[in-house]
Amino acid sequence: MPNILFDLDGTLTDAKPGITRSIQYALSELGYTPPDADELGWYIGPPIQETFSLLLKTSDEKLLAQAISLYRDRFSTIGLFENFLYPQIPDTLKTLRAYGYKTFVATSKPYIYTIRIIEYFGLSSLFDGVYGSELDGTRSVKGDLIQHILLTENLSPSTVIMVGDRKHDTIGAKKNQVAAIGVTYGYGTQEELITHGADWIVHSPDEIAKLLVRG
């Protein structure tokens, strides 16, 4: 399987500080008492509208739009750099590419933020393509994003593996008949990943390469 799609948050980088602080900022500005950062880790991964819908317990589009706007005010200037690259990721990507794999970023995060993060960590040369959502929410659902990548890159699903830490990654993969590797070092749990269709489970970035090049 020569094509690998990598989720960003919780798979390539630990984005918890920037995301949780930006969520807290948005909630505070709206007059809500935000949860502690440790209580917000579970909300990293889904599309941001889904996150605020759950946190605010609402489907009111106007309120959700306000929350997302406030979140982005902080995230776009400060939060996206409150982020840490998992140490084994560069070597993992280099190993996979040395064995002939093509690598892509596939994240629900808007592309305009994603490309800045990839460039910030010096990873641009280690990916054949970077894909994210649009600010209006287009392709924020992982299944839609994966379908878009398959069509744009002319990839057969049987040649693709999705690597991610949340159920959205495995659900999106299965919707497109794509194999899925679930990683437990991110924000999801092994139970969540297995329940929603992960074909393999790994516990550290270097295990991704070990799994895929062991033959």
N, C-alpha and C. Protein backbone atom coordinates (compact mmCIF):
# COMPACT_ATOMS: atom_id res chain seq x y z
N MET A 1 0.85 -1.19 0.00
CA MET A 1 0.00 0.00 0.00
C MET A 1 0.89 1.24 0.00
N PRO A 2 1.08 1.88 -1.12
CA PRO A 2 2.12 2.91 -1.21
C PRO A 2 1.70 4.32 -0.82
N ASN A 3 0.46 4.55 -0.37
CA ASN A 3 0.00 5.90 -0.05
C ASN A 3 -0.52 5.97 1.38
N ILE A 4 0.02 6.89 2.16
CA ILE A 4 -0.37 7.01 3.56
C ILE A 4 -0.89 8.41 3.83
N LEU A 5 -2.09 8.49 4.41
CA LEU A 5 -2.69 9.75 4.81
C LEU A 5 -2.52 9.91 6.32
N PHE A 6 -1.95 11.02 6.73
CA PHE A 6 -1.73 11.28 8.15
C PHE A 6 -2.66 12.39 8.65
N ASP A 7 -3.39 12.09 9.70
CA ASP A 7 -4.07 13.13 10.44
C ASP A 7 -3.00 14.06 11.04
N LEU A 8 -3.41 15.27 11.44
CA LEU A 8 -2.45 16.22 11.99
C LEU A 8 -2.46 16.23 13.52
N ASP A 9 -3.50 16.77 14.11
CA ASP A 9 -3.57 16.90 15.57
C ASP A 9 -3.68 15.53 16.24
N GLY A 10 -2.74 15.23 17.12
CA GLY A 10 -2.76 13.96 17.82
C GLY A 10 -2.11 12.82 17.07
N THR A 11 -1.61 13.11 15.87
CA THR A 11 -0.95 12.08 15.06
C THR A 11 0.45 12.55 14.64
N LEU A 12 0.52 13.74 14.06
CA LEU A 12 1.82 14.34 13.72
C LEU A 12 2.28 15.28 14.82
N THR A 13 1.35 16.03 15.39
CA THR A 13 1.70 17.01 16.42
C THR A 13 0.78 16.90 17.63
N ASP A 14 1.31 17.37 18.77
CA ASP A 14 0.50 17.52 19.97
C ASP A 14 0.04 18.97 20.01
N ALA A 15 -1.17 19.19 19.58
CA ALA A 15 -1.71 20.54 19.44
C ALA A 15 -2.56 20.95 20.63
N LYS A 16 -2.54 20.17 21.68
CA LYS A 16 -3.46 20.41 22.80
C LYS A 16 -3.36 21.82 23.38
N PRO A 17 -2.15 22.36 23.66
CA PRO A 17 -2.11 23.70 24.27
C PRO A 17 -2.82 24.76 23.44
N GLY A 18 -2.52 24.83 22.16
CA GLY A 18 -3.10 25.87 21.31
C GLY A 18 -4.60 25.72 21.12
N ILE A 19 -5.04 24.48 20.94
CA ILE A 19 -6.47 24.24 20.71
C ILE A 19 -7.27 24.50 21.98
N THR A 20 -6.82 23.95 23.11
CA THR A 20 -7.60 24.10 24.34
C THR A 20 -7.62 25.54 24.81
N ARG A 21 -6.50 26.25 24.68
CA ARG A 21 -6.49 27.65 25.10
C ARG A 21 -7.38 28.51 24.21
N SER A 22 -7.43 28.17 22.93
CA SER A 22 -8.29 28.93 22.02
C SER A 22 -9.76 28.62 22.25
N ILE A 23 -10.08 27.38 22.60
CA ILE A 23 -11.46 27.04 22.99
C ILE A 23 -11.84 27.79 24.25
N GLN A 24 -10.95 27.78 25.24
CA GLN A 24 -11.23 28.49 26.50
C GLN A 24 -11.45 29.98 26.26
N TYR A 25 -10.64 30.55 25.38
CA TYR A 25 -10.78 31.98 25.06
C TYR A 25 -12.15 32.26 24.46
N ALA A 26 -12.55 31.44 23.50
CA ALA A 26 -13.84 31.65 22.84
C ALA A 26 -14.99 31.54 23.83
N LEU A 27 -14.95 30.52 24.68
CA LEU A 27 -16.03 30.33 25.65
C LEU A 27 -16.08 31.49 26.64
N SER A 28 -14.91 31.94 27.08
CA SER A 28 -14.86 33.07 28.02
C SER A 28 -15.43 34.33 27.40
N GLU A 29 -15.08 34.58 26.14
CA GLU A 29 -15.57 35.78 25.46
C GLU A 29 -17.09 35.74 25.27
N LEU A 30 -17.63 34.54 25.21
CA LEU A 30 -19.08 34.39 25.07
C LEU A 30 -19.80 34.41 26.41
N GLY A 31 -19.02 34.50 27.50
CA GLY A 31 -19.62 34.59 28.82
C GLY A 31 -19.77 33.27 29.54
N TYR A 32 -19.16 32.22 29.00
CA TYR A 32 -19.22 30.90 29.63
C TYR A 32 -17.96 30.65 30.46
N THR A 33 -18.08 29.85 31.48
CA THR A 33 -16.91 29.43 32.25
C THR A 33 -16.32 28.21 31.56
N PRO A 34 -15.11 28.34 31.00
CA PRO A 34 -14.55 27.22 30.23
C PRO A 34 -14.05 26.09 31.11
N PRO A 35 -14.13 24.87 30.64
CA PRO A 35 -13.55 23.74 31.37
C PRO A 35 -12.03 23.86 31.43
N ASP A 36 -11.42 23.12 32.35
CA ASP A 36 -9.96 23.05 32.41
C ASP A 36 -9.44 22.39 31.13
N ALA A 37 -8.18 22.68 30.81
CA ALA A 37 -7.58 22.15 29.59
C ALA A 37 -7.63 20.63 29.55
N ASP A 38 -7.42 19.98 30.69
CA ASP A 38 -7.42 18.51 30.71
C ASP A 38 -8.79 17.93 30.37
N GLU A 39 -9.83 18.70 30.61
CA GLU A 39 -11.18 18.23 30.29
C GLU A 39 -11.51 18.45 28.82
N LEU A 40 -10.68 19.20 28.12
CA LEU A 40 -10.96 19.54 26.72
C LEU A 40 -10.24 18.65 25.72
N GLY A 41 -9.33 17.80 26.20
CA GLY A 41 -8.58 16.95 25.28
C GLY A 41 -9.47 16.08 24.42
N TRP A 42 -10.60 15.67 24.96
CA TRP A 42 -11.52 14.80 24.24
C TRP A 42 -12.14 15.51 23.04
N TYR A 43 -12.11 16.84 23.04
CA TYR A 43 -12.74 17.61 21.97
C TYR A 43 -11.78 17.94 20.83
N ILE A 44 -10.56 17.44 20.92
CA ILE A 44 -9.59 17.65 19.85
C ILE A 44 -9.75 16.54 18.82
N GLY A 45 -9.94 16.91 17.58
CA GLY A 45 -10.11 15.91 16.53
C GLY A 45 -11.33 16.13 15.67
N PRO A 46 -12.51 16.29 16.30
CA PRO A 46 -13.71 16.53 15.49
C PRO A 46 -13.64 17.88 14.79
N PRO A 47 -14.46 18.10 13.75
CA PRO A 47 -14.58 19.44 13.18
C PRO A 47 -14.93 20.45 14.26
N ILE A 48 -14.42 21.66 14.16
CA ILE A 48 -14.56 22.65 15.24
C ILE A 48 -16.02 23.00 15.52
N GLN A 49 -16.87 22.98 14.50
CA GLN A 49 -18.30 23.25 14.74
C GLN A 49 -18.91 22.17 15.62
N GLU A 50 -18.53 20.93 15.38
CA GLU A 50 -19.03 19.83 16.21
C GLU A 50 -18.55 19.98 17.65
N THR A 51 -17.29 20.40 17.82
CA THR A 51 -16.73 20.60 19.15
C THR A 51 -17.53 21.64 19.93
N PHE A 52 -17.78 22.80 19.31
CA PHE A 52 -18.52 23.84 20.02
C PHE A 52 -19.99 23.47 20.21
N SER A 53 -20.56 22.72 19.28
CA SER A 53 -21.93 22.27 19.45
C SER A 53 -22.05 21.40 20.69
N LEU A 54 -21.06 20.54 20.91
CA LEU A 54 -21.06 19.68 22.09
C LEU A 54 -20.81 20.48 23.37
N LEU A 55 -19.84 21.39 23.32
CA LEU A 55 -19.48 22.16 24.51
C LEU A 55 -20.59 23.12 24.92
N LEU A 56 -21.22 23.74 23.93
CA LEU A 56 -22.28 24.71 24.21
C LEU A 56 -23.67 24.09 24.27
N LYS A 57 -23.71 22.80 23.95
CA LYS A 57 -24.98 22.06 23.95
C LYS A 57 -26.04 22.79 23.12
N THR A 58 -25.63 23.14 21.90
CA THR A 58 -26.53 23.88 21.03
C THR A 58 -26.28 23.55 19.57
N SER A 59 -27.29 23.78 18.75
CA SER A 59 -27.13 23.69 17.30
C SER A 59 -27.43 25.05 16.66
N ASP A 60 -27.51 26.09 17.51
CA ASP A 60 -27.77 27.45 17.04
C ASP A 60 -26.62 27.92 16.16
N GLU A 61 -26.89 28.08 14.88
CA GLU A 61 -25.81 28.39 13.94
C GLU A 61 -25.16 29.73 14.21
N LYS A 62 -25.93 30.71 14.66
CA LYS A 62 -25.37 32.03 14.95
C LYS A 62 -24.39 31.97 16.12
N LEU A 63 -24.78 31.27 17.18
CA LEU A 63 -23.90 31.13 18.35
C LEU A 63 -22.65 30.34 17.99
N LEU A 64 -22.82 29.28 17.22
CA LEU A 64 -21.67 28.47 16.82
C LEU A 64 -20.72 29.28 15.94
N ALA A 65 -21.27 30.09 15.06
CA ALA A 65 -20.43 30.94 14.20
C ALA A 65 -19.64 31.94 15.04
N GLN A 66 -20.27 32.49 16.08
CA GLN A 66 -19.57 33.41 16.98
C GLN A 66 -18.42 32.69 17.68
N ALA A 67 -18.70 31.51 18.18
CA ALA A 67 -17.69 30.74 18.91
C ALA A 67 -16.50 30.41 18.00
N ILE A 68 -16.80 29.98 16.78
CA ILE A 68 -15.73 29.62 15.84
C ILE A 68 -14.91 30.85 15.47
N SER A 69 -15.57 31.98 15.28
CA SER A 69 -14.86 33.21 14.94
C SER A 69 -13.90 33.62 16.05
N LEU A 70 -14.37 33.56 17.29
CA LEU A 70 -13.52 33.89 18.44
C LEU A 70 -12.37 32.91 18.57
N TYR A 71 -12.67 31.65 18.40
CA TYR A 71 -11.63 30.62 18.44
C TYR A 71 -10.55 30.93 17.40
N ARG A 72 -10.96 31.23 16.20
CA ARG A 72 -10.00 31.47 15.12
C ARG A 72 -9.22 32.76 15.31
N ASP A 73 -9.84 33.75 15.97
CA ASP A 73 -9.12 34.99 16.26
C ASP A 73 -7.83 34.69 17.03
N ARG A 74 -7.95 33.81 18.00
CA ARG A 74 -6.77 33.47 18.81
C ARG A 74 -5.91 32.41 18.15
N PHE A 75 -6.57 31.38 17.60
CA PHE A 75 -5.80 30.26 17.05
C PHE A 75 -4.94 30.69 15.88
N SER A 76 -5.46 31.55 15.02
CA SER A 76 -4.74 31.93 13.80
C SER A 76 -3.50 32.78 14.08
N THR A 77 -3.46 33.41 15.24
CA THR A 77 -2.33 34.29 15.55
C THR A 77 -1.40 33.72 16.62
N ILE A 78 -1.94 32.96 17.55
CA ILE A 78 -1.16 32.44 18.68
C ILE A 78 -1.24 30.91 18.77
N GLY A 79 -2.46 30.41 18.74
CA GLY A 79 -2.70 29.00 19.06
C GLY A 79 -2.03 28.00 18.15
N LEU A 80 -1.93 28.31 16.85
CA LEU A 80 -1.39 27.30 15.94
C LEU A 80 0.09 27.03 16.20
N PHE A 81 0.77 27.97 16.89
CA PHE A 81 2.18 27.76 17.22
C PHE A 81 2.38 27.21 18.64
N GLU A 82 1.29 27.09 19.40
CA GLU A 82 1.34 26.44 20.71
C GLU A 82 1.16 24.94 20.47
N ASN A 83 2.15 24.33 19.91
CA ASN A 83 2.02 23.04 19.26
C ASN A 83 3.39 22.36 19.30
N PHE A 84 3.41 21.05 19.45
CA PHE A 84 4.67 20.33 19.55
C PHE A 84 4.68 19.15 18.58
N LEU A 85 5.76 19.01 17.86
CA LEU A 85 5.92 17.87 16.95
C LEU A 85 6.30 16.64 17.76
N TYR A 86 5.58 15.53 17.55
CA TYR A 86 5.98 14.29 18.22
C TYR A 86 7.39 13.93 17.74
N PRO A 87 8.33 13.69 18.66
CA PRO A 87 9.74 13.56 18.31
C PRO A 87 10.08 12.55 17.22
N GLN A 88 9.36 11.43 17.16
CA GLN A 88 9.71 10.37 16.20
C GLN A 88 9.12 10.59 14.81
N ILE A 89 8.31 11.63 14.64
CA ILE A 89 7.60 11.81 13.38
C ILE A 89 8.54 12.05 12.18
N PRO A 90 9.52 12.96 12.25
CA PRO A 90 10.37 13.17 11.07
C PRO A 90 11.07 11.89 10.61
N ASP A 91 11.62 11.12 11.54
CA ASP A 91 12.31 9.88 11.16
C ASP A 91 11.33 8.86 10.59
N THR A 92 10.12 8.81 11.15
CA THR A 92 9.10 7.89 10.65
C THR A 92 8.75 8.23 9.20
N LEU A 93 8.54 9.50 8.93
CA LEU A 93 8.21 9.92 7.56
C LEU A 93 9.36 9.63 6.60
N LYS A 94 10.57 9.91 7.03
CA LYS A 94 11.74 9.66 6.17
C LYS A 94 11.88 8.18 5.86
N THR A 95 11.64 7.34 6.85
CA THR A 95 11.74 5.89 6.64
C THR A 95 10.69 5.41 5.65
N LEU A 96 9.46 5.84 5.84
CA LEU A 96 8.39 5.42 4.94
C LEU A 96 8.65 5.86 3.50
N ARG A 97 9.11 7.07 3.34
CA ARG A 97 9.38 7.58 1.99
C ARG A 97 10.58 6.86 1.36
N ALA A 98 11.54 6.48 2.19
CA ALA A 98 12.69 5.73 1.68
C ALA A 98 12.26 4.36 1.15
N TYR A 99 11.16 3.84 1.69
CA TYR A 99 10.63 2.55 1.23
C TYR A 99 9.60 2.70 0.13
N GLY A 100 9.46 3.90 -0.39
CA GLY A 100 8.60 4.10 -1.55
C GLY A 100 7.19 4.57 -1.28
N TYR A 101 6.86 4.81 -0.02
CA TYR A 101 5.52 5.30 0.30
C TYR A 101 5.38 6.77 -0.06
N LYS A 102 4.21 7.13 -0.59
CA LYS A 102 3.87 8.54 -0.74
C LYS A 102 3.09 8.95 0.51
N THR A 103 3.35 10.15 1.00
CA THR A 103 2.74 10.60 2.26
C THR A 103 1.96 11.89 2.05
N PHE A 104 0.80 11.96 2.72
CA PHE A 104 -0.08 13.12 2.61
C PHE A 104 -0.60 13.49 3.99
N VAL A 105 -0.88 14.77 4.19
CA VAL A 105 -1.58 15.22 5.38
C VAL A 105 -3.07 15.25 5.06
N ALA A 106 -3.89 14.71 5.96
CA ALA A 106 -5.35 14.69 5.78
C ALA A 106 -5.98 15.09 7.11
N THR A 107 -6.32 16.36 7.25
CA THR A 107 -6.83 16.86 8.53
C THR A 107 -8.10 17.67 8.35
N SER A 108 -8.95 17.63 9.36
CA SER A 108 -10.16 18.44 9.36
C SER A 108 -9.85 19.91 9.64
N LYS A 109 -8.64 20.18 10.09
CA LYS A 109 -8.24 21.57 10.33
C LYS A 109 -8.20 22.33 9.00
N PRO A 110 -8.60 23.60 9.00
CA PRO A 110 -8.53 24.36 7.74
C PRO A 110 -7.14 24.34 7.12
N TYR A 111 -7.12 24.23 5.81
CA TYR A 111 -5.86 24.15 5.07
C TYR A 111 -4.95 25.34 5.36
N ILE A 112 -5.52 26.54 5.48
CA ILE A 112 -4.68 27.73 5.66
C ILE A 112 -3.89 27.68 6.95
N TYR A 113 -4.40 26.97 7.96
CA TYR A 113 -3.65 26.78 9.20
C TYR A 113 -2.71 25.59 9.07
N THR A 114 -3.19 24.55 8.45
CA THR A 114 -2.41 23.31 8.32
C THR A 114 -1.10 23.56 7.60
N ILE A 115 -1.13 24.27 6.48
CA ILE A 115 0.09 24.47 5.70
C ILE A 115 1.10 25.29 6.49
N ARG A 116 0.61 26.24 7.30
CA ARG A 116 1.53 27.04 8.13
C ARG A 116 2.18 26.18 9.20
N ILE A 117 1.43 25.25 9.78
CA ILE A 117 1.98 24.36 10.81
C ILE A 117 3.02 23.41 10.20
N ILE A 118 2.71 22.84 9.05
CA ILE A 118 3.65 21.93 8.38
C ILE A 118 4.94 22.67 8.03
N GLU A 119 4.82 23.89 7.55
CA GLU A 119 6.00 24.69 7.23
C GLU A 119 6.77 25.07 8.49
N TYR A 120 6.06 25.41 9.55
CA TYR A 120 6.67 25.80 10.82
C TYR A 120 7.57 24.69 11.36
N PHE A 121 7.13 23.45 11.22
CA PHE A 121 7.91 22.33 11.72
C PHE A 121 8.90 21.76 10.69
N GLY A 122 8.99 22.41 9.54
CA GLY A 122 9.95 21.99 8.52
C GLY A 122 9.64 20.64 7.89
N LEU A 123 8.35 20.34 7.76
CA LEU A 123 7.94 19.03 7.26
C LEU A 123 7.52 19.05 5.78
N SER A 124 7.54 20.19 5.14
CA SER A 124 6.99 20.31 3.78
C SER A 124 7.59 19.30 2.81
N SER A 125 8.89 19.09 2.91
CA SER A 125 9.57 18.19 1.97
C SER A 125 9.25 16.72 2.22
N LEU A 126 8.58 16.43 3.33
CA LEU A 126 8.27 15.04 3.68
C LEU A 126 6.84 14.63 3.32
N PHE A 127 6.14 15.54 2.60
CA PHE A 127 4.78 15.21 2.18
C PHE A 127 4.61 15.50 0.69
N ASP A 128 3.88 14.61 0.03
CA ASP A 128 3.55 14.79 -1.38
C ASP A 128 2.36 15.70 -1.57
N GLY A 129 1.58 15.89 -0.52
CA GLY A 129 0.43 16.78 -0.58
C GLY A 129 -0.09 17.06 0.82
N VAL A 130 -0.67 18.24 0.99
CA VAL A 130 -1.25 18.64 2.27
C VAL A 130 -2.71 19.01 2.03
N TYR A 131 -3.62 18.35 2.73
CA TYR A 131 -5.04 18.56 2.54
C TYR A 131 -5.72 18.88 3.87
N GLY A 132 -6.58 19.88 3.84
CA GLY A 132 -7.38 20.25 5.00
C GLY A 132 -8.75 20.70 4.56
N SER A 133 -9.51 21.23 5.49
CA SER A 133 -10.85 21.71 5.17
C SER A 133 -10.79 23.16 4.72
N GLU A 134 -11.96 23.67 4.34
CA GLU A 134 -12.10 25.10 4.04
C GLU A 134 -12.70 25.78 5.27
N LEU A 135 -12.52 27.09 5.37
CA LEU A 135 -13.02 27.83 6.53
C LEU A 135 -14.54 27.74 6.66
N ASP A 136 -15.24 27.50 5.55
CA ASP A 136 -16.70 27.40 5.62
C ASP A 136 -17.18 26.01 6.03
N GLY A 137 -16.23 25.13 6.35
CA GLY A 137 -16.60 23.79 6.80
C GLY A 137 -16.55 22.73 5.72
N THR A 138 -16.36 23.13 4.47
CA THR A 138 -16.27 22.16 3.38
C THR A 138 -15.11 21.19 3.65
N ARG A 139 -15.39 19.90 3.54
CA ARG A 139 -14.43 18.81 3.75
C ARG A 139 -13.91 18.74 5.19
N SER A 140 -14.68 19.28 6.14
CA SER A 140 -14.28 19.12 7.55
C SER A 140 -14.64 17.73 8.08
N VAL A 141 -15.57 17.05 7.40
CA VAL A 141 -15.88 15.66 7.73
C VAL A 141 -14.81 14.79 7.08
N LYS A 142 -14.16 13.94 7.87
CA LYS A 142 -12.99 13.22 7.39
C LYS A 142 -13.30 12.32 6.18
N GLY A 143 -14.48 11.74 6.15
CA GLY A 143 -14.83 10.91 4.99
C GLY A 143 -14.86 11.71 3.70
N ASP A 144 -15.40 12.93 3.77
CA ASP A 144 -15.44 13.80 2.59
C ASP A 144 -14.03 14.20 2.16
N LEU A 145 -13.18 14.47 3.15
CA LEU A 145 -11.81 14.88 2.86
C LEU A 145 -11.04 13.74 2.19
N ILE A 146 -11.17 12.53 2.72
CA ILE A 146 -10.47 11.39 2.14
C ILE A 146 -10.95 11.13 0.71
N GLN A 147 -12.26 11.23 0.51
CA GLN A 147 -12.79 11.06 -0.85
C GLN A 147 -12.18 12.10 -1.80
N HIS A 148 -12.06 13.33 -1.34
CA HIS A 148 -11.48 14.41 -2.14
C HIS A 148 -10.03 14.09 -2.49
N ILE A 149 -9.27 13.58 -1.53
CA ILE A 149 -7.86 13.25 -1.78
C ILE A 149 -7.75 12.11 -2.79
N LEU A 150 -8.57 11.09 -2.62
CA LEU A 150 -8.54 9.96 -3.56
C LEU A 150 -8.80 10.42 -4.99
N LEU A 151 -9.78 11.30 -5.14
CA LEU A 151 -10.12 11.79 -6.47
C LEU A 151 -9.04 12.72 -7.03
N THR A 152 -8.57 13.64 -6.19
CA THR A 152 -7.59 14.62 -6.63
C THR A 152 -6.26 13.97 -7.01
N GLU A 153 -5.83 12.99 -6.21
CA GLU A 153 -4.55 12.33 -6.43
C GLU A 153 -4.67 11.08 -7.29
N ASN A 154 -5.91 10.75 -7.67
CA ASN A 154 -6.18 9.55 -8.48
C ASN A 154 -5.63 8.30 -7.80
N LEU A 155 -6.02 8.13 -6.55
CA LEU A 155 -5.55 6.99 -5.76
C LEU A 155 -6.64 5.93 -5.65
N SER A 156 -6.26 4.68 -5.80
CA SER A 156 -7.18 3.58 -5.57
C SER A 156 -7.27 3.34 -4.06
N PRO A 157 -8.48 3.20 -3.48
CA PRO A 157 -8.60 2.98 -2.04
C PRO A 157 -7.75 1.81 -1.53
N SER A 158 -7.58 0.79 -2.36
CA SER A 158 -6.81 -0.38 -1.93
C SER A 158 -5.33 -0.10 -1.76
N THR A 159 -4.87 1.08 -2.21
CA THR A 159 -3.45 1.44 -2.09
C THR A 159 -3.22 2.49 -1.00
N VAL A 160 -4.25 2.75 -0.19
CA VAL A 160 -4.19 3.86 0.77
C VAL A 160 -4.40 3.37 2.20
N ILE A 161 -3.67 3.98 3.13
CA ILE A 161 -3.87 3.76 4.56
C ILE A 161 -4.05 5.11 5.23
N MET A 162 -5.06 5.21 6.08
CA MET A 162 -5.28 6.42 6.89
C MET A 162 -4.71 6.19 8.28
N VAL A 163 -3.91 7.13 8.77
CA VAL A 163 -3.33 7.04 10.11
C VAL A 163 -3.90 8.17 10.96
N GLY A 164 -4.54 7.83 12.07
CA GLY A 164 -5.12 8.87 12.92
C GLY A 164 -5.41 8.39 14.32
N ASP A 165 -5.77 9.33 15.18
CA ASP A 165 -5.93 9.02 16.60
C ASP A 165 -7.37 9.04 17.09
N ARG A 166 -8.34 9.39 16.22
CA ARG A 166 -9.71 9.49 16.67
C ARG A 166 -10.65 8.68 15.76
N LYS A 167 -11.85 8.46 16.24
CA LYS A 167 -12.83 7.67 15.49
C LYS A 167 -13.16 8.31 14.14
N HIS A 168 -13.05 9.64 14.06
CA HIS A 168 -13.36 10.33 12.81
C HIS A 168 -12.43 9.86 11.68
N ASP A 169 -11.19 9.53 12.06
CA ASP A 169 -10.22 9.05 11.06
C ASP A 169 -10.58 7.66 10.57
N THR A 170 -10.92 6.77 11.50
CA THR A 170 -11.25 5.40 11.09
C THR A 170 -12.60 5.33 10.39
N ILE A 171 -13.57 6.10 10.87
CA ILE A 171 -14.88 6.13 10.21
C ILE A 171 -14.73 6.66 8.79
N GLY A 172 -13.97 7.74 8.64
CA GLY A 172 -13.75 8.32 7.31
C GLY A 172 -13.05 7.37 6.38
N ALA A 173 -12.07 6.63 6.93
CA ALA A 173 -11.35 5.65 6.11
C ALA A 173 -12.29 4.56 5.62
N LYS A 174 -13.09 4.01 6.53
CA LYS A 174 -13.97 2.90 6.17
C LYS A 174 -15.07 3.34 5.19
N LYS A 175 -15.50 4.58 5.30
CA LYS A 175 -16.48 5.11 4.35
C LYS A 175 -15.95 5.08 2.92
N ASN A 176 -14.62 5.13 2.81
CA ASN A 176 -13.98 5.15 1.49
C ASN A 176 -13.23 3.85 1.16
N GLN A 177 -13.52 2.79 1.92
CA GLN A 177 -12.88 1.48 1.71
C GLN A 177 -11.35 1.57 1.82
N VAL A 178 -10.90 2.40 2.77
CA VAL A 178 -9.47 2.60 3.00
C VAL A 178 -9.09 1.94 4.32
N ALA A 179 -7.92 1.31 4.37
CA ALA A 179 -7.43 0.70 5.61
C ALA A 179 -7.06 1.79 6.61
N ALA A 180 -7.08 1.45 7.91
CA ALA A 180 -6.84 2.46 8.94
C ALA A 180 -5.91 1.95 10.03
N ILE A 181 -4.95 2.79 10.38
CA ILE A 181 -4.08 2.56 11.53
C ILE A 181 -4.49 3.54 12.61
N GLY A 182 -4.83 3.04 13.78
CA GLY A 182 -5.17 3.90 14.91
C GLY A 182 -3.96 4.08 15.81
N VAL A 183 -3.69 5.32 16.19
CA VAL A 183 -2.56 5.60 17.09
C VAL A 183 -3.10 5.99 18.46
N THR A 184 -2.51 5.42 19.51
CA THR A 184 -3.01 5.66 20.86
C THR A 184 -2.26 6.75 21.59
N TYR A 185 -1.22 7.32 20.97
CA TYR A 185 -0.46 8.37 21.66
C TYR A 185 -1.09 9.75 21.50
N GLY A 186 -2.21 9.82 20.74
CA GLY A 186 -2.90 11.10 20.54
C GLY A 186 -4.00 11.32 21.56
N TYR A 187 -5.19 11.67 21.08
CA TYR A 187 -6.26 12.10 21.99
C TYR A 187 -7.40 11.09 22.12
N GLY A 188 -7.38 10.06 21.31
CA GLY A 188 -8.40 9.03 21.40
C GLY A 188 -7.91 7.85 22.23
N THR A 189 -8.75 6.84 22.35
CA THR A 189 -8.39 5.64 23.10
C THR A 189 -8.34 4.44 22.15
N GLN A 190 -7.67 3.40 22.60
CA GLN A 190 -7.60 2.18 21.81
C GLN A 190 -9.00 1.62 21.60
N GLU A 191 -9.83 1.67 22.64
CA GLU A 191 -11.20 1.15 22.53
C GLU A 191 -11.98 1.91 21.46
N GLU A 192 -11.85 3.25 21.46
CA GLU A 192 -12.55 4.07 20.46
C GLU A 192 -12.12 3.68 19.05
N LEU A 193 -10.82 3.53 18.86
CA LEU A 193 -10.28 3.25 17.53
C LEU A 193 -10.70 1.86 17.03
N ILE A 194 -10.63 0.88 17.91
CA ILE A 194 -11.00 -0.48 17.52
C ILE A 194 -12.50 -0.56 17.23
N THR A 195 -13.30 0.08 18.10
CA THR A 195 -14.75 0.07 17.93
C THR A 195 -15.17 0.62 16.58
N HIS A 196 -14.42 1.61 16.10
CA HIS A 196 -14.81 2.27 14.86
C HIS A 196 -13.99 1.85 13.65
N GLY A 197 -13.33 0.69 13.76
CA GLY A 197 -12.82 0.06 12.55
C GLY A 197 -11.34 0.09 12.27
N ALA A 198 -10.51 0.48 13.25
CA ALA A 198 -9.07 0.46 12.99
C ALA A 198 -8.61 -0.95 12.67
N ASP A 199 -7.81 -1.08 11.61
CA ASP A 199 -7.29 -2.39 11.23
C ASP A 199 -6.06 -2.77 12.04
N TRP A 200 -5.30 -1.77 12.45
CA TRP A 200 -4.12 -1.98 13.30
C TRP A 200 -4.08 -0.88 14.35
N ILE A 201 -3.43 -1.17 15.47
CA ILE A 201 -3.22 -0.20 16.54
C ILE A 201 -1.72 -0.08 16.81
N VAL A 202 -1.23 1.15 16.90
CA VAL A 202 0.16 1.38 17.28
C VAL A 202 0.18 2.38 18.43
N HIS A 203 1.27 2.34 19.19
CA HIS A 203 1.35 3.13 20.41
C HIS A 203 2.42 4.22 20.37
N SER A 204 3.15 4.30 19.28
CA SER A 204 4.16 5.35 19.12
C SER A 204 4.41 5.56 17.63
N PRO A 205 4.89 6.74 17.22
CA PRO A 205 5.11 6.99 15.79
C PRO A 205 6.04 5.99 15.12
N ASP A 206 7.10 5.55 15.81
CA ASP A 206 8.04 4.64 15.16
C ASP A 206 7.40 3.28 14.85
N GLU A 207 6.31 2.94 15.59
CA GLU A 207 5.63 1.68 15.32
C GLU A 207 4.89 1.71 13.98
N ILE A 208 4.56 2.91 13.49
CA ILE A 208 3.91 3.02 12.18
C ILE A 208 4.85 2.49 11.11
N ALA A 209 6.10 2.97 11.15
CA ALA A 209 7.09 2.53 10.16
C ALA A 209 7.39 1.04 10.34
N LYS A 210 7.52 0.58 11.56
CA LYS A 210 7.81 -0.83 11.81
C LYS A 210 6.71 -1.72 11.25
N LEU A 211 5.47 -1.28 11.40
CA LEU A 211 4.34 -2.05 10.90
C LEU A 211 4.34 -2.13 9.37
N LEU A 212 4.66 -1.02 8.72
CA LEU A 212 4.51 -0.94 7.28
C LEU A 212 5.73 -1.39 6.48
N VAL A 213 6.87 -1.46 7.09
CA VAL A 213 8.07 -1.88 6.34
C VAL A 213 8.64 -3.19 6.85
N ARG A 214 7.89 -3.85 7.71
CA ARG A 214 8.42 -5.07 8.32
C ARG A 214 8.62 -6.19 7.31
N GLY A 215 7.85 -6.10 6.19
CA GLY A 215 8.00 -7.16 5.21
C GLY A 215 9.23 -6.99 4.34
